[in-house]
Protein backbone atom coordinates (compact mmCIF):
# COMPACT_ATOMS: atom_id res chain seq x y z
CA MET A 1 106.15 45.14 102.28
CA ALA A 2 106.41 45.42 98.49
CA ALA A 3 108.15 48.78 98.74
CA ARG A 4 110.71 47.19 100.99
CA ARG A 5 111.51 44.54 98.40
CA VAL A 6 112.04 47.17 95.72
CA LEU A 7 113.98 49.70 97.79
CA LEU A 8 116.92 47.49 98.77
CA PRO A 9 117.79 46.30 95.23
CA LEU A 10 117.49 49.87 93.94
CA LEU A 11 119.80 51.11 96.68
CA ILE A 12 122.34 48.37 95.94
CA ALA A 13 122.18 49.13 92.21
CA ALA A 14 122.68 52.85 92.86
CA VAL A 15 125.71 52.20 95.05
CA ALA A 16 127.16 49.81 92.46
CA CYS A 17 126.68 52.31 89.60
CA THR A 18 128.14 55.15 91.63
CA SER A 19 131.18 53.15 92.67
CA LEU A 20 131.67 51.97 89.08
CA LEU A 21 131.56 55.52 87.70
CA TYR A 22 133.80 57.01 90.38
CA GLY A 23 136.12 54.01 90.26
CA LEU A 24 136.70 54.40 86.55
CA SER A 25 137.32 58.13 86.85
CA PHE A 26 139.79 57.44 89.65
CA VAL A 27 141.77 54.88 87.66
CA CYS A 28 141.40 56.43 84.20
CA GLY A 29 141.36 60.06 85.26
CA SER A 30 141.96 62.85 82.79
CA SER A 31 144.83 64.42 84.71
CA PRO A 32 148.26 63.31 83.51
CA SER A 33 150.28 61.29 85.96
CA ALA A 34 153.30 62.99 87.41
CA SER A 35 156.72 61.54 86.94
CA ALA A 36 158.56 59.96 89.85
CA ALA A 37 160.93 62.92 90.12
CA THR A 38 158.05 65.41 90.32
CA ARG A 39 156.25 63.36 92.96
CA SER A 40 159.45 63.05 94.98
CA LEU A 41 160.03 66.80 94.76
CA ARG A 42 156.51 67.61 95.94
CA THR A 43 156.80 65.13 98.80
CA SER A 44 160.13 66.49 99.95
CA GLN A 45 158.78 70.06 99.91
CA ARG A 46 156.03 69.06 102.34
CA ALA A 47 158.36 67.15 104.67
CA VAL A 48 159.17 68.44 108.14
CA PRO A 49 162.51 70.27 108.31
CA VAL A 50 165.38 68.53 110.08
CA GLU A 51 165.76 71.45 112.51
CA LEU A 52 162.46 70.54 114.15
CA GLY A 53 163.85 67.19 115.21
CA SER A 54 161.61 64.91 113.20
CA SER A 55 162.70 61.32 113.47
CA VAL A 56 161.28 57.85 113.66
CA ALA A 57 161.90 57.71 117.42
CA THR A 58 159.81 60.81 118.11
CA ALA A 59 157.14 59.72 115.66
CA LEU A 60 156.70 56.39 117.46
CA GLU A 61 156.83 57.85 120.96
CA VAL A 62 153.75 56.99 123.01
CA THR A 63 152.72 59.17 125.92
CA THR A 64 151.75 57.73 129.27
CA ALA A 65 148.20 59.05 128.94
CA ALA A 66 147.76 57.34 125.58
CA TRP A 67 149.14 54.10 126.98
CA GLY A 68 146.70 54.26 129.89
CA ALA A 69 143.79 55.05 127.57
CA ASN A 70 144.61 52.04 125.39
CA ILE A 71 144.72 49.74 128.40
CA ALA A 72 141.47 51.14 129.82
CA LEU A 73 139.64 51.03 126.51
CA LEU A 74 140.59 47.39 126.08
CA LEU A 75 140.31 46.19 129.66
CA VAL A 76 136.89 47.65 130.54
CA PRO A 77 134.90 46.21 127.59
CA PHE A 78 136.56 42.82 127.81
CA THR A 79 135.91 42.64 131.55
CA PHE A 80 132.25 43.50 130.95
CA LEU A 81 131.91 40.87 128.22
CA ILE A 82 133.56 38.17 130.34
CA GLN A 83 131.27 38.97 133.29
CA LEU A 84 128.24 38.92 131.01
CA TYR A 85 129.24 35.52 129.63
CA LEU A 86 129.88 34.04 133.07
CA GLN A 87 126.56 35.34 134.39
CA SER A 88 124.63 33.95 131.42
CA GLU A 89 126.28 30.56 131.80
CA ARG A 90 125.48 30.52 135.51
CA THR A 91 121.85 31.43 134.80
CA LYS A 92 121.64 28.74 132.14
CA ALA A 93 123.02 26.14 134.55
CA GLU A 94 120.59 27.20 137.29
CA ARG A 95 117.62 26.99 134.91
CA ALA A 96 118.71 23.51 133.77
CA GLU A 97 119.10 22.41 137.40
CA LEU A 98 115.60 23.59 138.30
CA GLY A 99 114.13 21.99 135.21
CA TYR A 100 113.02 25.17 133.43
CA ASP A 101 115.03 24.39 130.34
């Protein structure tokens, strides 16, 4: 039990020290910051060419399969949770009616 009380604070301290060290190196890094023109040039070099038909409309296009997956992945868990809640409430009411509660 004593090892458990020591392990958690040590783990939290290690995570805090690591994040502090890496956070400072991220913000105050030794590499010089690029100018806005240089960043813009590098970004435009990596962009998709216009000939490939890149646009906002094609980027936001959702396929039918993805739409169906989103509906199924939302509908199935919520249906299960609603059924679970209704069943637990029914069981609770039955137990109260029989005097077990």
